[in-house]
Amino acid sequence: LGAWVALAAVCLAGFLVQERRAAEPMMPLGLWKRRIIATGNAGSLVTGAVMIGVTSFLPAYVQGVMGRTPAIAGFVLASMSVGWATASTLGGRLMVRTSYRFVALLGGACLIAGSALLVLLRPEAGPLWAAAGSCLVGAGMGFTSTTYLVSIQTSVSWNERGVATSSTLFMRMVGAALGAALLGAVLNFGLAHTVGGMAAVNQMMQPATRSRLDPALLADLMQAMARALRNVYGIAGVLSLVTFGLALGIPRGLKPGR
């Protein structure tokens, strides 16, 4: 692990050196000196990690802990897309009437509320509770991603708009990659010492083999996965708080046309 971290640090340093001396850099570092761009890119990084926490691990809770079918897990996850699309539409209208800061704060509040619902999720709560949490997280992503994208695009000149837009999308992808690694490690650590190991966990996830597990072993596996996923969503909640704090860094009064 240490060797990979060192390699990543060397690659990052090399990238920064190259970008400083390149005549036409892929990501002009001068953009990061502008407050609205730095805040938006940092927010995209964090929200990318929160997004991956829902899309990658919530189906595991629905199938593994609740014992529901993949179709139900797909319904729960689809509610995130509904929330995202709806909030993106509303966010565009709201930022014209209010400000970028207000819409970003609204998105951060939705992320916090959605993460809280997922932390409080219990098997007996049913998939509708999980879908509500997923929808709120999707709404938070819709409000924040739209706000960050539009605010960054309108803060630069036309000849910089392409690279400024790509920078925030790139940071979201980096956040998703880091979030998958971090949250996946938390989940695997929580399941590493379960009875039966990961082989039993994989059997629990498959409807065809789940019914053949010993009831006592199945109960232990369900509790272990629920506990591990609760930790995952606890971290997502902390990241949501960071998103809300970053939204406070957006200057007051800014909105499209102003």
C-alpha atoms as a PDB file:
ATOM      1  CA  LEU A   1       0.000   0.000   0.000  1.00  0.00           C
ATOM      2  CA  GLY A   2       2.794   2.407   0.900  1.00  0.00           C
ATOM      3  CA  ALA A   3       4.473   1.827  -2.468  1.00  0.00           C
ATOM      4  CA  TRP A   4       1.244   2.619  -4.337  1.00  0.00           C
ATOM      5  CA  VAL A   5       0.729   5.797  -2.311  1.00  0.00           C
ATOM      6  CA  ALA A   6       4.308   6.871  -3.036  1.00  0.00           C
ATOM      7  CA  LEU A   7       3.834   6.157  -6.754  1.00  0.00           C
ATOM      8  CA  ALA A   8       0.616   8.194  -6.774  1.00  0.00           C
ATOM      9  CA  ALA A   9       2.394  11.106  -5.074  1.00  0.00           C
ATOM     10  CA  VAL A  10       5.217  11.015  -7.637  1.00  0.00           C
ATOM     11  CA  CYS A  11       2.738  10.925 -10.536  1.00  0.00           C
ATOM     12  CA  LEU A  12       0.795  13.850  -9.079  1.00  0.00           C
ATOM     13  CA  ALA A  13       3.968  15.888  -8.622  1.00  0.00           C
ATOM     14  CA  GLY A  14       5.012  15.132 -12.201  1.00  0.00           C
ATOM     15  CA  PHE A  15       1.587  16.149 -13.473  1.00  0.00           C
ATOM     16  CA  LEU A  16       1.729  19.485 -11.626  1.00  0.00           C
ATOM     17  CA  VAL A  17       5.235  20.229 -12.927  1.00  0.00           C
ATOM     18  CA  GLN A  18       4.179  19.439 -16.504  1.00  0.00           C
ATOM     19  CA  GLU A  19       1.036  21.562 -16.246  1.00  0.00           C
ATOM     20  CA  ARG A  20       3.054  24.535 -15.029  1.00  0.00           C
ATOM     21  CA  ARG A  21       5.429  24.505 -17.976  1.00  0.00           C
ATOM     22  CA  ALA A  22       3.058  23.405 -20.751  1.00  0.00           C
ATOM     23  CA  ALA A  23       2.111  26.079 -23.284  1.00  0.00           C
ATOM     24  CA  GLU A  24      -1.478  24.765 -23.408  1.00  0.00           C
ATOM     25  CA  PRO A  25      -2.053  22.737 -20.232  1.00  0.00           C
ATOM     26  CA  MET A  26      -4.955  20.300 -19.932  1.00  0.00           C
ATOM     27  CA  MET A  27      -5.861  21.805 -16.576  1.00  0.00           C
ATOM     28  CA  PRO A  28      -4.527  25.365 -16.131  1.00  0.00           C
ATOM     29  CA  LEU A  29      -3.568  25.621 -12.475  1.00  0.00           C
ATOM     30  CA  GLY A  30      -4.394  29.323 -12.498  1.00  0.00           C
ATOM     31  CA  LEU A  31      -8.088  28.400 -12.588  1.00  0.00           C
ATOM     32  CA  TRP A  32      -7.803  26.989  -9.077  1.00  0.00           C
ATOM     33  CA  LYS A  33      -6.886  30.430  -7.751  1.00  0.00           C
ATOM     34  CA  ARG A  34     -10.451  31.576  -8.405  1.00  0.00           C
ATOM     35  CA  ARG A  35     -12.639  30.975  -5.391  1.00  0.00           C
ATOM     36  CA  ILE A  36     -15.748  29.846  -7.232  1.00  0.00           C
ATOM     37  CA  ILE A  37     -13.801  27.273  -9.270  1.00  0.00           C
ATOM     38  CA  ALA A  38     -11.821  25.937  -6.328  1.00  0.00           C
ATOM     39  CA  THR A  39     -15.002  25.590  -4.264  1.00  0.00           C
ATOM     40  CA  GLY A  40     -16.947  23.952  -7.088  1.00  0.00           C
ATOM     41  CA  ASN A  41     -14.201  21.459  -7.893  1.00  0.00           C
ATOM     42  CA  ALA A  42     -13.720  20.549  -4.245  1.00  0.00           C
ATOM     43  CA  GLY A  43     -17.479  20.086  -3.926  1.00  0.00           C
ATOM     44  CA  SER A  44     -17.543  17.867  -7.019  1.00  0.00           C
ATOM     45  CA  LEU A  45     -14.765  15.736  -5.534  1.00  0.00           C
ATOM     46  CA  VAL A  46     -16.660  15.136  -2.306  1.00  0.00           C
ATOM     47  CA  THR A  47     -20.081  14.597  -3.897  1.00  0.00           C
ATOM     48  CA  GLY A  48     -18.525  12.068  -6.265  1.00  0.00           C
ATOM     49  CA  ALA A  49     -17.506   9.993  -3.245  1.00  0.00           C
ATOM     50  CA  VAL A  50     -21.009  10.262  -1.730  1.00  0.00           C
ATOM     51  CA  MET A  51     -22.595   9.230  -5.033  1.00  0.00           C
ATOM     52  CA  ILE A  52     -20.517   6.065  -5.293  1.00  0.00           C
ATOM     53  CA  GLY A  53     -21.474   5.162  -1.729  1.00  0.00           C
ATOM     54  CA  VAL A  54     -25.105   4.920  -2.770  1.00  0.00           C
ATOM     55  CA  THR A  55     -24.813   3.441  -6.242  1.00  0.00           C
ATOM     56  CA  SER A  56     -22.296   0.748  -5.283  1.00  0.00           C
ATOM     57  CA  PHE A  57     -23.395  -0.355  -1.822  1.00  0.00           C
ATOM     58  CA  LEU A  58     -27.112   0.265  -1.366  1.00  0.00           C
ATOM     59  CA  PRO A  59     -28.116  -2.701  -3.582  1.00  0.00           C
ATOM     60  CA  ALA A  60     -25.959  -4.902  -1.352  1.00  0.00           C
ATOM     61  CA  TYR A  61     -28.039  -3.837   1.647  1.00  0.00           C
ATOM     62  CA  VAL A  62     -31.341  -4.439  -0.121  1.00  0.00           C
ATOM     63  CA  GLN A  63     -30.326  -7.867  -1.383  1.00  0.00           C
ATOM     64  CA  GLY A  64     -28.009  -9.057   1.379  1.00  0.00           C
ATOM     65  CA  VAL A  65     -29.589  -7.642   4.528  1.00  0.00           C
ATOM     66  CA  MET A  66     -33.223  -7.266   3.506  1.00  0.00           C
ATOM     67  CA  GLY A  67     -33.209 -10.408   1.384  1.00  0.00           C
ATOM     68  CA  ARG A  68     -35.003  -8.706  -1.498  1.00  0.00           C
ATOM     69  CA  THR A  69     -34.683  -9.498  -5.180  1.00  0.00           C
ATOM     70  CA  PRO A  70     -32.329  -7.717  -7.605  1.00  0.00           C
ATOM     71  CA  ALA A  71     -35.410  -6.096  -9.159  1.00  0.00           C
ATOM     72  CA  ILE A  72     -36.276  -4.433  -5.838  1.00  0.00           C
ATOM     73  CA  ALA A  73     -32.653  -3.337  -5.449  1.00  0.00           C
ATOM     74  CA  GLY A  74     -32.851  -1.803  -8.919  1.00  0.00           C
ATOM     75  CA  PHE A  75     -36.030   0.074  -7.960  1.00  0.00           C
ATOM     76  CA  VAL A  76     -34.323   1.496  -4.864  1.00  0.00           C
ATOM     77  CA  LEU A  77     -31.359   2.642  -6.907  1.00  0.00           C
ATOM     78  CA  ALA A  78     -33.578   4.080  -9.650  1.00  0.00           C
ATOM     79  CA  SER A  79     -35.103   6.476  -7.116  1.00  0.00           C
ATOM     80  CA  MET A  80     -31.734   8.199  -6.971  1.00  0.00           C
ATOM     81  CA  SER A  81     -31.950   8.982 -10.687  1.00  0.00           C
ATOM     82  CA  VAL A  82     -35.469  10.357 -10.211  1.00  0.00           C
ATOM     83  CA  GLY A  83     -34.307  12.640  -7.411  1.00  0.00           C
ATOM     84  CA  TRP A  84     -31.253  13.734  -9.396  1.00  0.00           C
ATOM     85  CA  ALA A  85     -33.197  14.637 -12.545  1.00  0.00           C
ATOM     86  CA  THR A  86     -35.926  16.454 -10.621  1.00  0.00           C
ATOM     87  CA  ALA A  87     -33.466  18.454  -8.516  1.00  0.00           C
ATOM     88  CA  SER A  88     -31.383  19.381 -11.560  1.00  0.00           C
ATOM     89  CA  THR A  89     -34.452  20.913 -13.189  1.00  0.00           C
ATOM     90  CA  LEU A  90     -35.547  22.722 -10.044  1.00  0.00           C
ATOM     91  CA  GLY A  91     -31.994  23.815  -9.274  1.00  0.00           C
ATOM     92  CA  GLY A  92     -31.665  25.571 -12.606  1.00  0.00           C
ATOM     93  CA  ARG A  93     -34.816  27.573 -11.913  1.00  0.00           C
ATOM     94  CA  LEU A  94     -33.945  28.281  -8.286  1.00  0.00           C
ATOM     95  CA  MET A  95     -30.455  29.599  -8.938  1.00  0.00           C
ATOM     96  CA  VAL A  96     -31.863  32.216 -11.316  1.00  0.00           C
ATOM     97  CA  ARG A  97     -34.262  33.469  -8.617  1.00  0.00           C
ATOM     98  CA  THR A  98     -31.959  33.070  -5.608  1.00  0.00           C
ATOM     99  CA  SER A  99     -28.222  32.359  -5.862  1.00  0.00           C
ATOM    100  CA  TYR A 100     -25.665  29.635  -6.452  1.00  0.00           C
ATOM    101  CA  ARG A 101     -24.951  29.558  -2.737  1.00  0.00           C
ATOM    102  CA  PHE A 102     -28.562  28.902  -1.761  1.00  0.00           C
ATOM    103  CA  VAL A 103     -29.012  26.023  -4.223  1.00  0.00           C
ATOM    104  CA  ALA A 104     -25.686  24.442  -3.231  1.00  0.00           C
ATOM    105  CA  LEU A 105     -26.652  24.643   0.443  1.00  0.00           C
ATOM    106  CA  LEU A 106     -30.005  23.067  -0.389  1.00  0.00           C
ATOM    107  CA  GLY A 107     -28.176  20.253  -2.138  1.00  0.00           C
ATOM    108  CA  GLY A 108     -25.857  19.760   0.813  1.00  0.00           C
ATOM    109  CA  ALA A 109     -28.852  19.579   3.155  1.00  0.00           C
ATOM    110  CA  CYS A 110     -30.449  16.896   0.932  1.00  0.00           C
ATOM    111  CA  LEU A 111     -27.233  14.879   0.979  1.00  0.00           C
ATOM    112  CA  ILE A 112     -27.107  15.076   4.764  1.00  0.00           C
ATOM    113  CA  ALA A 113     -30.762  14.057   5.106  1.00  0.00           C
ATOM    114  CA  GLY A 114     -30.383  11.175   2.651  1.00  0.00           C
ATOM    115  CA  SER A 115     -27.239   9.891   4.364  1.00  0.00           C
ATOM    116  CA  ALA A 116     -28.994  10.105   7.739  1.00  0.00           C
ATOM    117  CA  LEU A 117     -31.870   7.966   6.439  1.00  0.00           C
ATOM    118  CA  LEU A 118     -29.403   5.373   5.182  1.00  0.00           C
ATOM    119  CA  VAL A 119     -27.496   5.332   8.488  1.00  0.00           C
ATOM    120  CA  LEU A 120     -30.800   4.736  10.301  1.00  0.00           C
ATOM    121  CA  LEU A 121     -31.846   2.060   7.790  1.00  0.00           C
ATOM    122  CA  ARG A 122     -32.937  -1.235   9.348  1.00  0.00           C
ATOM    123  CA  PRO A 123     -33.938  -4.495   7.597  1.00  0.00           C
ATOM    124  CA  GLU A 124     -37.500  -4.231   8.873  1.00  0.00           C
ATOM    125  CA  ALA A 125     -37.831  -0.679   7.490  1.00  0.00           C
ATOM    126  CA  GLY A 126     -38.277  -2.076   4.010  1.00  0.00           C
ATOM    127  CA  PRO A 127     -37.148  -0.904   0.566  1.00  0.00           C
ATOM    128  CA  LEU A 128     -39.286   2.242   0.608  1.00  0.00           C
ATOM    129  CA  TRP A 129     -37.110   3.677   3.397  1.00  0.00           C
ATOM    130  CA  ALA A 130     -34.003   2.834   1.383  1.00  0.00           C
ATOM    131  CA  ALA A 131     -35.573   4.384  -1.722  1.00  0.00           C
ATOM    132  CA  ALA A 132     -36.341   7.590   0.200  1.00  0.00           C
ATOM    133  CA  GLY A 133     -32.720   7.887   1.312  1.00  0.00           C
ATOM    134  CA  SER A 134     -31.513   7.155  -2.218  1.00  0.00           C
ATOM    135  CA  CYS A 135     -33.892   9.761  -3.671  1.00  0.00           C
ATOM    136  CA  LEU A 136     -32.699  12.432  -1.239  1.00  0.00           C
ATOM    137  CA  VAL A 137     -29.067  11.714  -2.051  1.00  0.00           C
ATOM    138  CA  GLY A 138     -29.963  11.943  -5.744  1.00  0.00           C
ATOM    139  CA  ALA A 139     -31.677  15.286  -5.113  1.00  0.00           C
ATOM    140  CA  GLY A 140     -28.574  16.513  -3.335  1.00  0.00           C
ATOM    141  CA  MET A 141     -26.439  15.463  -6.296  1.00  0.00           C
ATOM    142  CA  GLY A 142     -28.822  17.213  -8.695  1.00  0.00           C
ATOM    143  CA  PHE A 143     -28.767  20.505  -6.792  1.00  0.00           C
ATOM    144  CA  THR A 144     -25.019  20.550  -6.152  1.00  0.00           C
ATOM    145  CA  SER A 145     -23.743  19.248  -9.491  1.00  0.00           C
ATOM    146  CA  THR A 146     -25.899  21.662 -11.477  1.00  0.00           C
ATOM    147  CA  THR A 147     -24.870  24.567  -9.295  1.00  0.00           C
ATOM    148  CA  TYR A 148     -21.164  23.797  -9.433  1.00  0.00           C
ATOM    149  CA  LEU A 149     -21.231  23.302 -13.191  1.00  0.00           C
ATOM    150  CA  VAL A 150     -23.167  26.468 -14.035  1.00  0.00           C
ATOM    151  CA  SER A 151     -21.308  28.655 -11.541  1.00  0.00           C
ATOM    152  CA  ILE A 152     -17.937  27.530 -12.905  1.00  0.00           C
ATOM    153  CA  GLN A 153     -18.971  27.977 -16.526  1.00  0.00           C
ATOM    154  CA  THR A 154     -20.233  31.511 -15.949  1.00  0.00           C
ATOM    155  CA  SER A 155     -17.142  32.538 -13.968  1.00  0.00           C
ATOM    156  CA  VAL A 156     -14.740  32.150 -16.905  1.00  0.00           C
ATOM    157  CA  SER A 157     -14.425  33.572 -20.385  1.00  0.00           C
ATOM    158  CA  TRP A 158     -15.608  31.644 -23.437  1.00  0.00           C
ATOM    159  CA  ASN A 159     -12.119  30.433 -24.351  1.00  0.00           C
ATOM    160  CA  GLU A 160     -11.730  28.900 -20.872  1.00  0.00           C
ATOM    161  CA  ARG A 161     -15.189  27.381 -20.566  1.00  0.00           C
ATOM    162  CA  GLY A 162     -14.275  23.981 -21.972  1.00  0.00           C
ATOM    163  CA  VAL A 163     -11.344  23.350 -19.659  1.00  0.00           C
ATOM    164  CA  ALA A 164     -13.230  24.760 -16.656  1.00  0.00           C
ATOM    165  CA  THR A 165     -16.168  22.435 -17.334  1.00  0.00           C
ATOM    166  CA  SER A 166     -13.937  19.403 -17.782  1.00  0.00           C
ATOM    167  CA  SER A 167     -12.132  20.186 -14.526  1.00  0.00           C
ATOM    168  CA  THR A 168     -15.260  19.844 -12.403  1.00  0.00           C
ATOM    169  CA  LEU A 169     -16.369  16.663 -14.200  1.00  0.00           C
ATOM    170  CA  PHE A 170     -12.877  15.246 -13.770  1.00  0.00           C
ATOM    171  CA  MET A 171     -12.918  16.008 -10.050  1.00  0.00           C
ATOM    172  CA  ARG A 172     -16.254  14.197  -9.694  1.00  0.00           C
ATOM    173  CA  MET A 173     -14.723  11.109 -11.313  1.00  0.00           C
ATOM    174  CA  VAL A 174     -11.691  11.324  -9.030  1.00  0.00           C
ATOM    175  CA  GLY A 175     -14.023  11.595  -6.044  1.00  0.00           C
ATOM    176  CA  ALA A 176     -15.945   8.532  -7.211  1.00  0.00           C
ATOM    177  CA  ALA A 177     -12.719   6.547  -7.553  1.00  0.00           C
ATOM    178  CA  LEU A 178     -11.469   7.597  -4.112  1.00  0.00           C
ATOM    179  CA  GLY A 179     -14.886   6.977  -2.584  1.00  0.00           C
ATOM    180  CA  ALA A 180     -15.090   3.485  -4.067  1.00  0.00           C
ATOM    181  CA  ALA A 181     -11.678   2.641  -2.641  1.00  0.00           C
ATOM    182  CA  LEU A 182     -12.341   4.118   0.804  1.00  0.00           C
ATOM    183  CA  LEU A 183     -15.891   2.888   1.301  1.00  0.00           C
ATOM    184  CA  GLY A 184     -15.124  -0.476  -0.269  1.00  0.00           C
ATOM    185  CA  ALA A 185     -12.256  -0.917   2.178  1.00  0.00           C
ATOM    186  CA  VAL A 186     -14.570  -0.084   5.097  1.00  0.00           C
ATOM    187  CA  LEU A 187     -17.117  -2.646   3.894  1.00  0.00           C
ATOM    188  CA  ASN A 188     -14.536  -5.377   3.313  1.00  0.00           C
ATOM    189  CA  PHE A 189     -12.931  -4.750   6.693  1.00  0.00           C
ATOM    190  CA  GLY A 190     -16.308  -5.098   8.374  1.00  0.00           C
ATOM    191  CA  LEU A 191     -16.960  -8.409   6.609  1.00  0.00           C
ATOM    192  CA  ALA A 192     -13.427  -9.835   6.769  1.00  0.00           C
ATOM    193  CA  HIS A 193     -13.937 -11.696  10.035  1.00  0.00           C
ATOM    194  CA  THR A 194     -17.488 -12.925   9.551  1.00  0.00           C
ATOM    195  CA  VAL A 195     -18.267 -16.593  10.058  1.00  0.00           C
ATOM    196  CA  GLY A 196     -17.832 -18.380   6.755  1.00  0.00           C
ATOM    197  CA  GLY A 197     -15.813 -15.544   5.232  1.00  0.00           C
ATOM    198  CA  MET A 198     -16.500 -13.808   1.947  1.00  0.00           C
ATOM    199  CA  ALA A 199     -17.610 -17.083   0.359  1.00  0.00           C
ATOM    200  CA  ALA A 200     -20.601 -17.174   2.704  1.00  0.00           C
ATOM    201  CA  VAL A 201     -21.280 -13.495   2.029  1.00  0.00           C
ATOM    202  CA  ASN A 202     -21.381 -14.184  -1.720  1.00  0.00           C
ATOM    203  CA  GLN A 203     -23.802 -17.046  -1.112  1.00  0.00           C
ATOM    204  CA  MET A 204     -26.019 -14.736   0.919  1.00  0.00           C
ATOM    205  CA  MET A 205     -26.201 -12.316  -2.005  1.00  0.00           C
ATOM    206  CA  GLN A 206     -27.532 -14.935  -4.416  1.00  0.00           C
ATOM    207  CA  PRO A 207     -31.221 -15.902  -4.032  1.00  0.00           C
ATOM    208  CA  ALA A 208     -30.476 -19.416  -5.286  1.00  0.00           C
ATOM    209  CA  THR A 209     -27.863 -20.136  -2.592  1.00  0.00           C
ATOM    210  CA  ARG A 210     -29.188 -17.920   0.202  1.00  0.00           C
ATOM    211  CA  SER A 211     -31.962 -20.354   1.078  1.00  0.00           C
ATOM    212  CA  ARG A 212     -29.432 -23.156   1.604  1.00  0.00           C
ATOM    213  CA  LEU A 213     -27.483 -21.312   4.321  1.00  0.00           C
ATOM    214  CA  ASP A 214     -27.940 -22.274   7.956  1.00  0.00           C
ATOM    215  CA  PRO A 215     -30.456 -19.827   9.549  1.00  0.00           C
ATOM    216  CA  ALA A 216     -28.068 -18.951  12.385  1.00  0.00           C
ATOM    217  CA  LEU A 217     -25.215 -18.299   9.943  1.00  0.00           C
ATOM    218  CA  LEU A 218     -27.510 -16.234   7.729  1.00  0.00           C
ATOM    219  CA  ALA A 219     -28.574 -14.088  10.690  1.00  0.00           C
ATOM    220  CA  ASP A 220     -24.918 -13.471  11.627  1.00  0.00           C
ATOM    221  CA  LEU A 221     -24.048 -12.539   8.061  1.00  0.00           C
ATOM    222  CA  MET A 222     -26.968 -10.146   7.817  1.00  0.00           C
ATOM    223  CA  GLN A 223     -25.982  -8.404  11.039  1.00  0.00           C
ATOM    224  CA  ALA A 224     -22.352  -8.124   9.927  1.00  0.00           C
ATOM    225  CA  MET A 225     -23.281  -6.638   6.561  1.00  0.00           C
ATOM    226  CA  ALA A 226     -25.791  -4.243   8.115  1.00  0.00           C
ATOM    227  CA  ARG A 227     -23.149  -3.052  10.578  1.00  0.00           C
ATOM    228  CA  ALA A 228     -20.494  -2.636   7.881  1.00  0.00           C
ATOM    229  CA  LEU A 229     -22.841  -0.750   5.560  1.00  0.00           C
ATOM    230  CA  ARG A 230     -23.955   1.468   8.433  1.00  0.00           C
ATOM    231  CA  ASN A 231     -20.300   2.507   8.801  1.00  0.00           C
ATOM    232  CA  VAL A 232     -20.136   3.171   5.062  1.00  0.00           C
ATOM    233  CA  TYR A 233     -23.109   5.508   5.203  1.00  0.00           C
ATOM    234  CA  GLY A 234     -21.766   7.132   8.330  1.00  0.00           C
ATOM    235  CA  ILE A 235     -18.695   8.153   6.322  1.00  0.00           C
ATOM    236  CA  ALA A 236     -20.968   9.304   3.496  1.00  0.00           C
ATOM    237  CA  GLY A 237     -22.784  11.455   6.060  1.00  0.00           C
ATOM    238  CA  VAL A 238     -19.515  13.069   7.137  1.00  0.00           C
ATOM    239  CA  LEU A 239     -18.690  13.778   3.494  1.00  0.00           C
ATOM    240  CA  SER A 240     -22.143  15.326   3.099  1.00  0.00           C
ATOM    241  CA  LEU A 241     -21.371  17.674   5.975  1.00  0.00           C
ATOM    242  CA  VAL A 242     -18.158  18.631   4.183  1.00  0.00           C
ATOM    243  CA  THR A 243     -20.209  19.356   1.055  1.00  0.00           C
ATOM    244  CA  PHE A 244     -22.488  21.652   3.036  1.00  0.00           C
ATOM    245  CA  GLY A 245     -19.447  23.433   4.482  1.00  0.00           C
ATOM    246  CA  LEU A 246     -17.946  23.912   1.023  1.00  0.00           C
ATOM    247  CA  ALA A 247     -21.221  25.421  -0.204  1.00  0.00           C
ATOM    248  CA  LEU A 248     -20.830  28.082   2.470  1.00  0.00           C
ATOM    249  CA  GLY A 249     -17.642  29.118   0.675  1.00  0.00           C
ATOM    250  CA  ILE A 250     -19.514  30.203  -2.454  1.00  0.00           C
ATOM    251  CA  PRO A 251     -19.709  34.014  -2.497  1.00  0.00           C
ATOM    252  CA  ARG A 252     -23.113  35.457  -1.614  1.00  0.00           C
ATOM    253  CA  GLY A 253     -25.350  36.961  -4.257  1.00  0.00           C
ATOM    254  CA  LEU A 254     -23.835  35.248  -7.304  1.00  0.00           C
ATOM    255  CA  LYS A 255     -26.313  33.817  -9.812  1.00  0.00           C
ATOM    256  CA  PRO A 256     -26.654  33.497 -13.597  1.00  0.00           C
ATOM    257  CA  GLY A 257     -26.401  36.918 -15.158  1.00  0.00           C
ATOM    258  CA  ARG A 258     -24.843  38.421 -12.060  1.00  0.00           C
END
